[in-house]
PDB file of N, CA and C in Angstrom:
ATOM      1  N   MET A   1      17.476  63.953  -4.298  1.00  0.00           N
ATOM      2  CA  MET A   1      17.764  62.984  -3.070  1.00  0.00           C
ATOM      3  C   MET A   1      19.001  63.780  -2.424  1.00  0.00           C
ATOM      4  N   GLY A   2      18.844  63.710  -1.141  1.00  0.00           N
ATOM      5  CA  GLY A   2      19.919  64.222  -0.288  1.00  0.00           C
ATOM      6  C   GLY A   2      21.116  63.250   0.066  1.00  0.00           C
ATOM      7  N   ASN A   3      22.017  63.893   0.611  1.00  0.00           N
ATOM      8  CA  ASN A   3      23.309  63.086   1.016  1.00  0.00           C
ATOM      9  C   ASN A   3      23.488  63.443   2.534  1.00  0.00           C
ATOM     10  N   VAL A   4      24.027  62.326   3.207  1.00  0.00           N
ATOM     11  CA  VAL A   4      24.324  62.352   4.465  1.00  0.00           C
ATOM     12  C   VAL A   4      25.629  61.975   4.741  1.00  0.00           C
ATOM     13  N   THR A   5      26.414  62.608   5.698  1.00  0.00           N
ATOM     14  CA  THR A   5      27.659  62.224   6.180  1.00  0.00           C
ATOM     15  C   THR A   5      27.604  61.806   7.540  1.00  0.00           C
ATOM     16  N   ILE A   6      28.167  60.690   7.838  1.00  0.00           N
ATOM     17  CA  ILE A   6      28.379  60.041   9.145  1.00  0.00           C
ATOM     18  C   ILE A   6      29.820  60.118   9.467  1.00  0.00           C
ATOM     19  N   ARG A   7      30.135  61.040  10.662  1.00  0.00           N
ATOM     20  CA  ARG A   7      31.685  61.285  11.202  1.00  0.00           C
ATOM     21  C   ARG A   7      31.861  60.360  12.276  1.00  0.00           C
ATOM     22  N   ASN A   8      33.104  60.005  12.532  1.00  0.00           N
ATOM     23  CA  ASN A   8      33.629  59.428  13.824  1.00  0.00           C
ATOM     24  C   ASN A   8      33.056  58.016  13.986  1.00  0.00           C
ATOM     25  N   LEU A   9      32.760  57.397  12.878  1.00  0.00           N
ATOM     26  CA  LEU A   9      32.520  55.897  13.358  1.00  0.00           C
ATOM     27  C   LEU A   9      33.832  55.148  13.544  1.00  0.00           C
ATOM     28  N   ASP A  10      33.763  54.185  14.536  1.00  0.00           N
ATOM     29  CA  ASP A  10      34.891  53.252  14.756  1.00  0.00           C
ATOM     30  C   ASP A  10      35.281  52.491  13.645  1.00  0.00           C
ATOM     31  N   ASP A  11      36.582  52.220  13.408  1.00  0.00           N
ATOM     32  CA  ASP A  11      36.978  51.427  12.370  1.00  0.00           C
ATOM     33  C   ASP A  11      36.294  50.020  12.348  1.00  0.00           C
ATOM     34  N   ASP A  12      36.242  49.521  13.573  1.00  0.00           N
ATOM     35  CA  ASP A  12      35.644  48.182  13.750  1.00  0.00           C
ATOM     36  C   ASP A  12      34.053  48.123  13.202  1.00  0.00           C
ATOM     37  N   VAL A  13      33.523  49.179  13.413  1.00  0.00           N
ATOM     38  CA  VAL A  13      31.965  49.293  12.880  1.00  0.00           C
ATOM     39  C   VAL A  13      32.090  49.369  11.282  1.00  0.00           C
ATOM     40  N   ILE A  14      32.835  50.055  10.791  1.00  0.00           N
ATOM     41  CA  ILE A  14      33.095  50.184   9.185  1.00  0.00           C
ATOM     42  C   ILE A  14      33.303  49.041   8.724  1.00  0.00           C
ATOM     43  N   GLU A  15      34.374  48.252   9.230  1.00  0.00           N
ATOM     44  CA  GLU A  15      34.807  46.863   8.866  1.00  0.00           C
ATOM     45  C   GLU A  15      33.617  45.831   8.809  1.00  0.00           C
ATOM     46  N   ARG A  16      32.858  45.882   9.934  1.00  0.00           N
ATOM     47  CA  ARG A  16      31.691  45.061  10.074  1.00  0.00           C
ATOM     48  C   ARG A  16      30.661  45.361   9.075  1.00  0.00           C
ATOM     49  N   LEU A  17      30.396  46.779   8.726  1.00  0.00           N
ATOM     50  CA  LEU A  17      29.561  47.038   7.543  1.00  0.00           C
ATOM     51  C   LEU A  17      29.960  46.555   6.468  1.00  0.00           C
ATOM     52  N   ARG A  18      31.405  46.809   6.167  1.00  0.00           N
ATOM     53  CA  ARG A  18      32.103  46.240   4.800  1.00  0.00           C
ATOM     54  C   ARG A  18      31.629  44.801   4.696  1.00  0.00           C
ATOM     55  N   ASN A  19      31.907  43.996   5.637  1.00  0.00           N
ATOM     56  CA  ASN A  19      31.585  42.587   5.808  1.00  0.00           C
ATOM     57  C   ASN A  19      30.310  42.271   5.439  1.00  0.00           C
ATOM     58  N   ARG A  20      29.393  43.084   5.919  1.00  0.00           N
ATOM     59  CA  ARG A  20      27.801  42.729   5.782  1.00  0.00           C
ATOM     60  C   ARG A  20      27.589  42.882   4.250  1.00  0.00           C
ATOM     61  N   ALA A  21      28.206  44.149   3.892  1.00  0.00           N
ATOM     62  CA  ALA A  21      27.852  44.464   2.422  1.00  0.00           C
ATOM     63  C   ALA A  21      28.307  43.431   1.334  1.00  0.00           C
ATOM     64  N   ARG A  22      29.587  42.904   1.755  1.00  0.00           N
ATOM     65  CA  ARG A  22      30.270  41.773   1.051  1.00  0.00           C
ATOM     66  C   ARG A  22      29.197  40.753   0.979  1.00  0.00           C
ATOM     67  N   HIS A  23      28.814  40.327   2.366  1.00  0.00           N
ATOM     68  CA  HIS A  23      27.868  39.080   2.334  1.00  0.00           C
ATOM     69  C   HIS A  23      26.537  39.183   1.519  1.00  0.00           C
ATOM     70  N   HIS A  24      26.196  40.613   1.238  1.00  0.00           N
ATOM     71  CA  HIS A  24      25.071  40.663   0.580  1.00  0.00           C
ATOM     72  C   HIS A  24      25.238  41.159  -0.872  1.00  0.00           C
ATOM     73  N   HIS A  25      26.734  40.971  -1.388  1.00  0.00           N
ATOM     74  CA  HIS A  25      26.880  41.223  -2.670  1.00  0.00           C
ATOM     75  C   HIS A  25      26.545  42.629  -3.255  1.00  0.00           C
ATOM     76  N   ARG A  26      26.906  43.641  -2.327  1.00  0.00           N
ATOM     77  CA  ARG A  26      26.600  44.900  -2.664  1.00  0.00           C
ATOM     78  C   ARG A  26      27.604  45.972  -2.155  1.00  0.00           C
ATOM     79  N   SER A  27      27.730  47.106  -2.616  1.00  0.00           N
ATOM     80  CA  SER A  27      28.681  48.101  -2.204  1.00  0.00           C
ATOM     81  C   SER A  27      28.389  48.532  -0.727  1.00  0.00           C
ATOM     82  N   LEU A  28      29.389  49.142  -0.062  1.00  0.00           N
ATOM     83  CA  LEU A  28      29.157  49.599   1.258  1.00  0.00           C
ATOM     84  C   LEU A  28      28.111  50.825   1.406  1.00  0.00           C
ATOM     85  N   GLU A  29      28.099  51.512   0.232  1.00  0.00           N
ATOM     86  CA  GLU A  29      26.971  52.596   0.206  1.00  0.00           C
ATOM     87  C   GLU A  29      25.719  52.021   0.082  1.00  0.00           C
ATOM     88  N   ALA A  30      25.483  51.044  -0.723  1.00  0.00           N
ATOM     89  CA  ALA A  30      24.104  50.307  -1.065  1.00  0.00           C
ATOM     90  C   ALA A  30      23.735  49.665   0.254  1.00  0.00           C
ATOM     91  N   GLU A  31      24.706  49.066   1.165  1.00  0.00           N
ATOM     92  CA  GLU A  31      24.264  48.295   2.421  1.00  0.00           C
ATOM     93  C   GLU A  31      23.738  49.413   3.442  1.00  0.00           C
ATOM     94  N   LEU A  32      24.373  50.572   3.416  1.00  0.00           N
ATOM     95  CA  LEU A  32      24.136  51.539   4.248  1.00  0.00           C
ATOM     96  C   LEU A  32      22.744  52.162   4.028  1.00  0.00           C
ATOM     97  N   ARG A  33      22.399  52.322   2.682  1.00  0.00           N
ATOM     98  CA  ARG A  33      21.192  52.799   2.289  1.00  0.00           C
ATOM     99  C   ARG A  33      20.068  51.918   2.507  1.00  0.00           C
ATOM    100  N   ASP A  34      20.406  50.463   2.608  1.00  0.00           N
ATOM    101  CA  ASP A  34      19.295  49.581   2.727  1.00  0.00           C
ATOM    102  C   ASP A  34      19.278  49.621   4.278  1.00  0.00           C
ATOM    103  N   ILE A  35      20.144  49.683   5.092  1.00  0.00           N
ATOM    104  CA  ILE A  35      19.914  49.663   6.608  1.00  0.00           C
ATOM    105  C   ILE A  35      19.125  50.913   7.099  1.00  0.00           C
ATOM    106  N   VAL A  36      19.536  52.052   6.391  1.00  0.00           N
ATOM    107  CA  VAL A  36      18.714  53.249   6.954  1.00  0.00           C
ATOM    108  C   VAL A  36      17.237  53.194   6.580  1.00  0.00           C
ATOM    109  N   THR A  37      17.281  52.813   5.180  1.00  0.00           N
ATOM    110  CA  THR A  37      15.532  52.661   4.689  1.00  0.00           C
ATOM    111  C   THR A  37      14.785  51.676   5.549  1.00  0.00           C
ATOM    112  N   ASN A  38      15.429  50.530   5.766  1.00  0.00           N
ATOM    113  CA  ASN A  38      14.647  49.471   6.654  1.00  0.00           C
ATOM    114  C   ASN A  38      14.435  50.093   8.025  1.00  0.00           C
ATOM    115  N   ALA A  39      15.236  50.772   8.510  1.00  0.00           N
ATOM    116  CA  ALA A  39      15.098  51.467  10.001  1.00  0.00           C
ATOM    117  C   ALA A  39      14.127  52.289  10.161  1.00  0.00           C
ATOM    118  N   VAL A  40      13.705  53.050   9.002  1.00  0.00           N
ATOM    119  CA  VAL A  40      12.516  54.057   9.073  1.00  0.00           C
ATOM    120  C   VAL A  40      11.104  53.482   8.488  1.00  0.00           C
ATOM    121  N   ARG A  41      11.228  52.379   7.915  1.00  0.00           N
ATOM    122  CA  ARG A  41      10.004  51.811   7.355  1.00  0.00           C
ATOM    123  C   ARG A  41       8.972  51.395   8.240  1.00  0.00           C
ATOM    124  N   PRO A  42       7.787  51.961   7.860  1.00  0.00           N
ATOM    125  CA  PRO A  42       6.578  51.802   8.820  1.00  0.00           C
ATOM    126  C   PRO A  42       6.425  50.193   9.077  1.00  0.00           C
ATOM    127  N   VAL A  43       5.981  49.956  10.259  1.00  0.00           N
ATOM    128  CA  VAL A  43       5.822  48.690  10.793  1.00  0.00           C
ATOM    129  C   VAL A  43       4.352  48.315  10.259  1.00  0.00           C
ATOM    130  N   ASP A  44       4.062  46.999   9.722  1.00  0.00           N
ATOM    131  CA  ASP A  44       2.996  46.485   8.917  1.00  0.00           C
ATOM    132  C   ASP A  44       2.315  45.700  10.294  1.00  0.00           C
ATOM    133  N   ILE A  45       1.531  46.253  11.225  1.00  0.00           N
ATOM    134  CA  ILE A  45       1.045  45.643  12.492  1.00  0.00           C
ATOM    135  C   ILE A  45       0.341  44.327  12.121  1.00  0.00           C
ATOM    136  N   GLY A  46      -0.479  44.450  10.989  1.00  0.00           N
ATOM    137  CA  GLY A  46      -1.204  43.093  10.734  1.00  0.00           C
ATOM    138  C   GLY A  46      -0.310  41.973  10.347  1.00  0.00           C
ATOM    139  N   ALA A  47       0.789  42.326   9.544  1.00  0.00           N
ATOM    140  CA  ALA A  47       1.925  41.419   9.118  1.00  0.00           C
ATOM    141  C   ALA A  47       2.539  40.797  10.639  1.00  0.00           C
ATOM    142  N   PHE A  48       2.773  41.717  11.541  1.00  0.00           N
ATOM    143  CA  PHE A  48       3.603  41.406  12.631  1.00  0.00           C
ATOM    144  C   PHE A  48       2.729  40.570  13.427  1.00  0.00           C
ATOM    145  N   LYS A  49       1.427  40.793  13.717  1.00  0.00           N
ATOM    146  CA  LYS A  49       0.654  39.884  14.311  1.00  0.00           C
ATOM    147  C   LYS A  49       0.349  38.551  13.831  1.00  0.00           C
ATOM    148  N   ALA A  50       0.351  38.519  12.562  1.00  0.00           N
ATOM    149  CA  ALA A  50       0.157  37.144  11.850  1.00  0.00           C
ATOM    150  C   ALA A  50       1.367  36.246  11.992  1.00  0.00           C
ATOM    151  N   ALA A  51       2.506  37.084  11.986  1.00  0.00           N
ATOM    152  CA  ALA A  51       3.753  36.246  12.199  1.00  0.00           C
ATOM    153  C   ALA A  51       3.982  35.804  13.675  1.00  0.00           C
ATOM    154  N   ALA A  52       3.461  36.688  14.591  1.00  0.00           N
ATOM    155  CA  ALA A  52       3.389  36.182  16.115  1.00  0.00           C
ATOM    156  C   ALA A  52       2.525  35.009  16.161  1.00  0.00           C
ATOM    157  N   ALA A  53       1.427  35.236  15.653  1.00  0.00           N
ATOM    158  CA  ALA A  53       0.399  33.986  15.703  1.00  0.00           C
ATOM    159  C   ALA A  53       0.802  32.690  15.193  1.00  0.00           C
ATOM    160  N   ASP A  54       1.690  32.928  13.977  1.00  0.00           N
ATOM    161  CA  ASP A  54       2.248  31.744  13.403  1.00  0.00           C
ATOM    162  C   ASP A  54       3.310  30.986  14.535  1.00  0.00           C
ATOM    163  N   ILE A  55       4.201  31.810  14.944  1.00  0.00           N
ATOM    164  CA  ILE A  55       5.345  31.402  15.955  1.00  0.00           C
ATOM    165  C   ILE A  55       4.355  30.676  17.179  1.00  0.00           C
ATOM    166  N   ARG A  56       3.586  31.340  17.643  1.00  0.00           N
ATOM    167  CA  ARG A  56       2.630  30.879  18.790  1.00  0.00           C
ATOM    168  C   ARG A  56       2.146  29.279  18.327  1.00  0.00           C
ATOM    169  N   THR A  57       1.669  29.324  17.265  1.00  0.00           N
ATOM    170  CA  THR A  57       0.985  28.112  16.806  1.00  0.00           C
ATOM    171  C   THR A  57       2.014  26.877  16.651  1.00  0.00           C
ATOM    172  N   ARG A  58       3.182  27.331  15.967  1.00  0.00           N
ATOM    173  CA  ARG A  58       4.239  26.338  15.853  1.00  0.00           C
ATOM    174  C   ARG A  58       5.140  25.807  16.929  1.00  0.00           C
ATOM    175  N   THR A  59       4.972  26.834  17.988  1.00  0.00           N
ATOM    176  CA  THR A  59       5.675  26.459  19.318  1.00  0.00           C
ATOM    177  C   THR A  59       4.715  26.173  20.646  1.00  0.00           C
ATOM    178  N   ALA A  60       3.421  25.880  20.194  1.00  0.00           N
ATOM    179  CA  ALA A  60       2.396  25.709  21.277  1.00  0.00           C
ATOM    180  C   ALA A  60       2.637  24.497  22.228  1.00  0.00           C
ATOM    181  N   ARG A  61       3.136  23.424  21.643  1.00  0.00           N
ATOM    182  CA  ARG A  61       3.485  22.235  22.385  1.00  0.00           C
ATOM    183  C   ARG A  61       4.942  22.200  22.987  1.00  0.00           C
ATOM    184  N   ARG A  62       5.578  23.182  22.800  1.00  0.00           N
ATOM    185  CA  ARG A  62       6.881  23.220  23.177  1.00  0.00           C
ATOM    186  C   ARG A  62       6.892  23.880  24.839  1.00  0.00           C
ATOM    187  N   THR A  63       7.780  23.204  25.681  1.00  0.00           N
ATOM    188  CA  THR A  63       7.972  24.048  26.964  1.00  0.00           C
ATOM    189  C   THR A  63       8.780  25.171  26.676  1.00  0.00           C
ATOM    190  N   GLN A  64       8.356  26.314  27.460  1.00  0.00           N
ATOM    191  CA  GLN A  64       8.972  27.593  27.258  1.00  0.00           C
ATOM    192  C   GLN A  64       9.768  27.917  28.470  1.00  0.00           C
ATOM    193  N   THR A  65      11.061  28.211  28.576  1.00  0.00           N
ATOM    194  CA  THR A  65      11.695  28.634  29.731  1.00  0.00           C
ATOM    195  C   THR A  65      11.471  30.318  30.076  1.00  0.00           C
ATOM    196  N   ASN A  66      11.289  30.368  31.225  1.00  0.00           N
ATOM    197  CA  ASN A  66      11.042  31.618  31.795  1.00  0.00           C
ATOM    198  C   ASN A  66      12.248  32.672  31.546  1.00  0.00           C
ATOM    199  N   SER A  67      12.137  33.661  30.695  1.00  0.00           N
ATOM    200  CA  SER A  67      13.275  34.564  30.284  1.00  0.00           C
ATOM    201  C   SER A  67      14.113  35.163  31.390  1.00  0.00           C
ATOM    202  N   THR A  68      13.317  35.333  32.601  1.00  0.00           N
ATOM    203  CA  THR A  68      14.032  35.855  33.783  1.00  0.00           C
ATOM    204  C   THR A  68      15.095  34.740  33.960  1.00  0.00           C
ATOM    205  N   LEU A  69      15.090  33.686  33.981  1.00  0.00           N
ATOM    206  CA  LEU A  69      15.813  32.531  34.339  1.00  0.00           C
ATOM    207  C   LEU A  69      17.065  32.507  33.442  1.00  0.00           C
ATOM    208  N   LEU A  70      16.790  32.792  32.221  1.00  0.00           N
ATOM    209  CA  LEU A  70      17.736  32.787  31.217  1.00  0.00           C
ATOM    210  C   LEU A  70      18.669  34.003  31.241  1.00  0.00           C
ATOM    211  N   ILE A  71      18.048  35.050  31.715  1.00  0.00           N
ATOM    212  CA  ILE A  71      18.722  36.364  31.881  1.00  0.00           C
ATOM    213  C   ILE A  71      19.742  36.338  33.334  1.00  0.00           C
ATOM    214  N   ARG A  72      19.209  35.751  34.139  1.00  0.00           N
ATOM    215  CA  ARG A  72      19.919  35.545  35.295  1.00  0.00           C
ATOM    216  C   ARG A  72      21.178  34.535  35.104  1.00  0.00           C
ATOM    217  N   GLU A  73      20.833  33.429  34.511  1.00  0.00           N
ATOM    218  CA  GLU A  73      21.796  32.467  33.895  1.00  0.00           C
ATOM    219  C   GLU A  73      23.205  33.216  33.397  1.00  0.00           C
ATOM    220  N   ASP A  74      22.695  33.971  32.335  1.00  0.00           N
ATOM    221  CA  ASP A  74      23.775  34.819  31.407  1.00  0.00           C
ATOM    222  C   ASP A  74      24.552  35.697  32.374  1.00  0.00           C
ATOM    223  N   ARG A  75      23.799  36.362  33.275  1.00  0.00           N
ATOM    224  CA  ARG A  75      24.294  37.398  34.169  1.00  0.00           C
ATOM    225  C   ARG A  75      25.349  36.798  35.129  1.00  0.00           C
ATOM    226  N   ASP A  76      25.121  35.490  35.483  1.00  0.00           N
ATOM    227  CA  ASP A  76      25.858  34.812  36.576  1.00  0.00           C
ATOM    228  C   ASP A  76      27.018  34.255  35.688  1.00  0.00           C
ATOM    229  N   ARG A  77      27.072  34.089  34.407  1.00  0.00           N
ATOM    230  CA  ARG A  77      28.325  33.717  33.893  1.00  0.00           C
ATOM    231  C   ARG A  77      29.379  34.789  33.836  1.00  0.00           C
TER     232      ARG A  77
END
């Protein structure tokens, strides 16, 4: 297995990563390994489409807000 060194990370980023690792009850190294592994994991298109269909089914009767309006409202704040 190879090793990777990441230089010049902001202290704030490192602290947030440590907090995330603590939340998941693992070391910082294990947390980083999980983050990197998940970032390059192939996407299961079938599972993605099934999840999207499930969300559409569960939210079919709900009124949806136009995302453009939400973005505009956020920017105006």
